[in-house]
N, C-alpha and C. Protein backbone atom coordinates (compact mmCIF):
# COMPACT_ATOMS: atom_id res chain seq x y z
N UNK A 1 -112.22 -182.48 -198.09
CA UNK A 1 -113.26 -183.52 -198.41
C UNK A 1 -114.23 -183.71 -199.04
N UNK A 2 -114.89 -184.61 -199.82
CA UNK A 2 -116.37 -184.83 -199.94
C UNK A 2 -116.48 -186.32 -199.40
N UNK A 3 -117.58 -185.88 -199.21
CA UNK A 3 -118.73 -187.54 -197.93
C UNK A 3 -119.40 -188.25 -198.92
N UNK A 4 -119.25 -189.61 -199.65
CA UNK A 4 -120.51 -189.58 -199.98
C UNK A 4 -120.65 -191.11 -199.52
N UNK A 5 -121.75 -192.09 -200.10
CA UNK A 5 -122.72 -192.98 -199.35
C UNK A 5 -121.67 -194.07 -199.73
N UNK A 6 -120.98 -195.09 -199.10
CA UNK A 6 -120.71 -196.57 -200.18
C UNK A 6 -121.83 -197.62 -199.23
N UNK A 7 -122.33 -197.92 -200.50
CA UNK A 7 -123.32 -198.91 -200.62
C UNK A 7 -122.19 -200.55 -199.97
N UNK A 8 -121.56 -200.40 -200.25
CA UNK A 8 -120.83 -202.40 -199.94
C UNK A 8 -121.03 -201.71 -198.09
N UNK A 9 -120.12 -200.97 -197.70
CA UNK A 9 -120.17 -201.10 -196.67
C UNK A 9 -121.57 -200.44 -195.36
N UNK A 10 -122.35 -199.71 -196.36
CA UNK A 10 -123.66 -199.18 -195.84
C UNK A 10 -123.25 -197.63 -195.27
N UNK A 11 -122.97 -197.26 -195.17
CA UNK A 11 -122.09 -195.92 -194.51
C UNK A 11 -121.55 -194.21 -195.00
N UNK A 12 -121.55 -193.54 -194.51
CA UNK A 12 -121.20 -192.55 -194.73
C UNK A 12 -119.75 -192.46 -194.31
N UNK A 13 -118.63 -192.19 -195.81
CA UNK A 13 -117.62 -192.10 -195.21
C UNK A 13 -116.71 -190.96 -196.53
N UNK A 14 -116.10 -190.23 -196.14
CA UNK A 14 -114.74 -189.74 -196.94
C UNK A 14 -114.53 -190.50 -198.16
N UNK A 15 -114.63 -189.81 -199.18
CA UNK A 15 -114.04 -190.10 -200.53
C UNK A 15 -112.57 -190.48 -200.85
N UNK A 16 -112.10 -191.29 -200.72
CA UNK A 16 -111.03 -191.55 -201.16
C UNK A 16 -110.32 -191.16 -202.41
N UNK A 17 -109.41 -190.88 -202.53
CA UNK A 17 -108.41 -190.24 -204.31
C UNK A 17 -109.54 -189.75 -204.98
N UNK A 18 -110.57 -188.60 -204.97
CA UNK A 18 -111.55 -187.98 -205.21
C UNK A 18 -111.16 -187.54 -206.88
N UNK A 19 -111.98 -187.57 -207.50
CA UNK A 19 -112.00 -187.07 -209.28
C UNK A 19 -113.17 -186.46 -209.71
N UNK A 20 -113.09 -185.22 -209.84
CA UNK A 20 -114.12 -184.65 -209.68
C UNK A 20 -114.55 -185.04 -211.86
N UNK A 21 -115.66 -185.21 -211.72
CA UNK A 21 -115.89 -185.78 -213.64
C UNK A 21 -117.38 -184.71 -213.98
N UNK A 22 -117.21 -185.20 -215.02
CA UNK A 22 -118.49 -183.91 -215.71
C UNK A 22 -119.33 -185.28 -216.27
N UNK A 23 -120.42 -185.52 -215.74
CA UNK A 23 -121.80 -186.90 -217.10
C UNK A 23 -121.83 -185.94 -218.04
N UNK A 24 -122.36 -187.13 -219.11
CA UNK A 24 -123.19 -187.03 -220.42
C UNK A 24 -124.23 -185.88 -219.94
N UNK A 25 -125.11 -185.39 -218.93
CA UNK A 25 -125.53 -184.28 -218.74
C UNK A 25 -125.79 -183.40 -218.31
N UNK A 26 -124.63 -183.03 -218.22
CA UNK A 26 -123.48 -181.85 -218.10
C UNK A 26 -123.37 -181.70 -216.69
N UNK A 27 -124.01 -182.22 -215.55
CA UNK A 27 -123.36 -182.30 -213.93
C UNK A 27 -122.01 -182.90 -213.44
N UNK A 28 -121.71 -182.10 -212.77
CA UNK A 28 -120.33 -182.19 -212.23
C UNK A 28 -120.99 -183.75 -210.98
N UNK A 29 -119.58 -184.38 -210.83
CA UNK A 29 -119.80 -185.35 -210.06
C UNK A 29 -118.24 -186.36 -209.41
N UNK A 30 -118.31 -186.27 -207.96
CA UNK A 30 -116.78 -186.89 -207.82
C UNK A 30 -116.82 -188.49 -207.25
N UNK A 31 -115.53 -189.23 -208.09
CA UNK A 31 -115.59 -190.65 -207.74
C UNK A 31 -114.88 -190.27 -207.37
N UNK A 32 -113.95 -191.37 -206.43
CA UNK A 32 -113.59 -192.03 -205.43
C UNK A 32 -113.41 -193.85 -205.66
N UNK A 33 -112.71 -193.86 -204.19
CA UNK A 33 -113.03 -195.21 -203.30
C UNK A 33 -112.88 -195.03 -201.90
N UNK A 34 -113.95 -196.07 -201.27
CA UNK A 34 -114.48 -195.54 -199.99
C UNK A 34 -112.74 -196.08 -199.57
N UNK A 35 -112.80 -195.55 -198.37
CA UNK A 35 -111.00 -196.34 -197.71
C UNK A 35 -111.42 -197.48 -196.92
N UNK A 36 -112.41 -197.49 -196.84
CA UNK A 36 -112.19 -199.16 -195.87
C UNK A 36 -112.89 -199.98 -197.28
N UNK A 37 -113.33 -200.41 -197.66
CA UNK A 37 -113.69 -201.53 -198.49
C UNK A 37 -112.83 -201.62 -199.79
N UNK A 38 -112.64 -200.29 -200.31
CA UNK A 38 -111.78 -199.97 -202.02
C UNK A 38 -113.18 -200.35 -202.94
N UNK A 39 -114.44 -200.03 -202.51
CA UNK A 39 -115.51 -200.06 -203.88
C UNK A 39 -115.42 -198.68 -204.24
N UNK A 40 -115.99 -198.38 -205.20
CA UNK A 40 -116.37 -197.55 -205.57
C UNK A 40 -117.08 -196.04 -205.12
N UNK A 41 -117.25 -195.26 -204.96
CA UNK A 41 -118.03 -194.18 -204.20
C UNK A 41 -118.35 -193.46 -205.52
N UNK A 42 -119.15 -192.46 -205.74
CA UNK A 42 -120.21 -191.78 -206.37
C UNK A 42 -120.76 -190.85 -205.84
N UNK A 43 -120.86 -189.21 -205.97
CA UNK A 43 -121.23 -188.51 -205.80
C UNK A 43 -121.74 -187.07 -206.21
N UNK A 44 -122.82 -187.01 -206.71
CA UNK A 44 -123.31 -186.37 -207.48
C UNK A 44 -123.82 -185.07 -207.16
N UNK A 45 -122.93 -183.42 -207.71
CA UNK A 45 -123.19 -181.63 -207.21
C UNK A 45 -123.76 -181.87 -207.92
N UNK A 46 -124.06 -180.23 -207.74
CA UNK A 46 -125.24 -179.62 -207.52
C UNK A 46 -125.59 -179.45 -208.56
N UNK A 47 -126.31 -178.64 -209.51
CA UNK A 47 -126.27 -177.62 -210.55
C UNK A 47 -125.40 -178.17 -211.63
N UNK A 48 -126.17 -177.60 -212.97
CA UNK A 48 -125.15 -178.02 -214.26
C UNK A 48 -123.96 -177.23 -214.89
N UNK A 49 -122.72 -177.44 -215.22
CA UNK A 49 -121.73 -176.73 -216.08
C UNK A 49 -122.44 -175.66 -216.84
N UNK A 50 -122.03 -174.44 -217.09
CA UNK A 50 -122.72 -173.16 -217.35
C UNK A 50 -121.91 -173.18 -219.43
N UNK A 51 -122.74 -173.55 -220.03
CA UNK A 51 -122.01 -173.64 -221.45
C UNK A 51 -121.37 -172.43 -222.22
N UNK A 52 -121.43 -172.45 -223.19
CA UNK A 52 -121.44 -170.64 -223.64
C UNK A 52 -123.09 -170.31 -224.06
N UNK A 53 -123.41 -169.01 -224.09
CA UNK A 53 -124.81 -168.84 -224.51
C UNK A 53 -125.16 -168.65 -226.00
N UNK A 54 -126.59 -169.81 -225.77
CA UNK A 54 -127.20 -169.57 -227.86
C UNK A 54 -127.29 -168.75 -228.55
N UNK A 55 -127.15 -168.47 -229.27
CA UNK A 55 -127.26 -167.37 -229.74
C UNK A 55 -128.89 -167.20 -230.85
N UNK A 56 -128.95 -165.97 -230.26
CA UNK A 56 -130.62 -166.06 -230.27
C UNK A 56 -131.21 -165.93 -232.21
N UNK A 57 -132.19 -166.91 -232.26
CA UNK A 57 -131.93 -167.28 -233.44
C UNK A 57 -132.99 -165.84 -234.41
N UNK A 58 -132.66 -165.70 -235.58
CA UNK A 58 -132.71 -164.90 -236.05
C UNK A 58 -134.30 -164.82 -237.12
N UNK A 59 -134.43 -165.88 -237.44
CA UNK A 59 -135.85 -166.25 -238.17
C UNK A 59 -136.93 -167.02 -237.20
N UNK A 60 -137.91 -167.46 -237.00
CA UNK A 60 -138.55 -168.12 -236.24
C UNK A 60 -138.66 -169.77 -237.28
N UNK A 61 -138.64 -170.81 -236.74
CA UNK A 61 -139.20 -172.03 -237.75
C UNK A 61 -139.96 -172.58 -237.13
N UNK A 62 -140.70 -172.85 -238.24
CA UNK A 62 -142.38 -173.23 -238.30
C UNK A 62 -142.26 -174.29 -238.32
N UNK A 63 -143.02 -175.53 -237.65
CA UNK A 63 -143.12 -176.38 -237.28
C UNK A 63 -143.37 -177.61 -238.33
N UNK A 64 -142.66 -178.55 -238.46
CA UNK A 64 -142.94 -179.79 -239.37
C UNK A 64 -144.09 -180.56 -239.05
N UNK A 65 -144.71 -180.35 -240.14
CA UNK A 65 -146.04 -181.29 -239.61
C UNK A 65 -145.52 -182.53 -240.12
N UNK A 66 -146.05 -183.76 -240.12
CA UNK A 66 -146.04 -185.09 -240.06
C UNK A 66 -146.67 -185.41 -240.82
N UNK A 67 -145.55 -186.45 -241.89
CA UNK A 67 -146.55 -187.36 -243.05
C UNK A 67 -148.02 -187.59 -242.62
N UNK A 68 -149.09 -187.74 -243.73
CA UNK A 68 -150.01 -188.77 -243.52
C UNK A 68 -150.08 -190.11 -243.45
N UNK A 69 -150.95 -191.10 -242.35
CA UNK A 69 -150.53 -191.89 -242.41
C UNK A 69 -150.81 -192.68 -243.39
N UNK A 70 -150.80 -194.08 -243.75
CA UNK A 70 -151.29 -194.89 -244.78
C UNK A 70 -151.86 -195.50 -244.34
N UNK A 71 -152.76 -195.32 -243.13
CA UNK A 71 -153.89 -196.21 -242.78
C UNK A 71 -155.35 -195.98 -243.89
N UNK A 72 -156.04 -197.61 -243.83
CA UNK A 72 -156.54 -197.46 -244.92
C UNK A 72 -158.06 -196.74 -244.18
N UNK A 73 -158.74 -195.95 -244.87
CA UNK A 73 -160.28 -195.03 -244.06
C UNK A 73 -161.19 -196.51 -243.79
N UNK A 74 -161.86 -196.63 -242.38
CA UNK A 74 -162.94 -197.91 -242.36
C UNK A 74 -164.04 -198.05 -243.18
N UNK A 75 -164.20 -198.56 -243.16
CA UNK A 75 -165.86 -199.04 -244.08
C UNK A 75 -167.19 -198.29 -243.79
N UNK A 76 -167.63 -197.89 -244.35
CA UNK A 76 -168.50 -197.30 -244.39
C UNK A 76 -169.75 -197.43 -243.47
N UNK A 77 -170.49 -197.72 -242.55
CA UNK A 77 -170.95 -198.30 -241.58
C UNK A 77 -172.95 -197.42 -241.79
N UNK A 78 -173.96 -198.70 -242.09
CA UNK A 78 -175.20 -198.79 -241.98
C UNK A 78 -176.32 -197.74 -240.84
N UNK A 79 -176.40 -197.22 -241.71
CA UNK A 79 -177.17 -196.09 -239.53
C UNK A 79 -178.30 -197.01 -239.77
N UNK A 80 -178.93 -197.89 -240.59
CA UNK A 80 -180.31 -198.26 -240.42
C UNK A 80 -180.28 -199.67 -238.68
N UNK A 81 -181.60 -199.71 -238.58
CA UNK A 81 -181.28 -200.79 -237.55
C UNK A 81 -181.56 -202.25 -237.50
N UNK A 82 -180.55 -203.01 -236.79
CA UNK A 82 -180.32 -204.21 -236.98
C UNK A 82 -181.75 -205.23 -237.25
N UNK A 83 -181.28 -206.06 -238.04
CA UNK A 83 -182.33 -207.56 -238.31
C UNK A 83 -183.53 -207.39 -236.84
N UNK A 84 -184.57 -207.20 -236.19
CA UNK A 84 -184.99 -208.26 -235.30
C UNK A 84 -184.04 -209.65 -234.88
N UNK A 85 -184.45 -210.54 -233.84
CA UNK A 85 -184.21 -211.46 -233.46
C UNK A 85 -185.27 -212.23 -234.06
N UNK A 86 -184.70 -213.57 -234.14
CA UNK A 86 -186.24 -214.76 -234.66
C UNK A 86 -186.58 -214.97 -233.00
N UNK A 87 -187.99 -215.04 -232.70
CA UNK A 87 -189.07 -215.64 -231.62
C UNK A 87 -188.36 -216.89 -231.14
N UNK A 88 -188.24 -216.73 -229.78
CA UNK A 88 -187.59 -218.31 -228.93
C UNK A 88 -188.67 -218.78 -228.16
N UNK A 89 -188.95 -220.36 -228.27
CA UNK A 89 -190.15 -220.68 -227.55
C UNK A 89 -189.62 -221.50 -226.75
């Protein structure tokens, strides 16, 4: 039997009515109930399930360039010095 942690009881307990599941990311897990309080318990098992081997690519795939952004170019700045400040009295 699988042992898991019950968050409601805050203790490690044997999982009652265990059922093995496959998560979206390919990992195995065991789902069941806490024998004391009846809360749902979930334990993630190690390792991913091996899928069918991927076929090798016959031709290399060229990287796709992103389209140029349609942002206007900044206005040219002058390279001359700023005007002098007026004298303060």
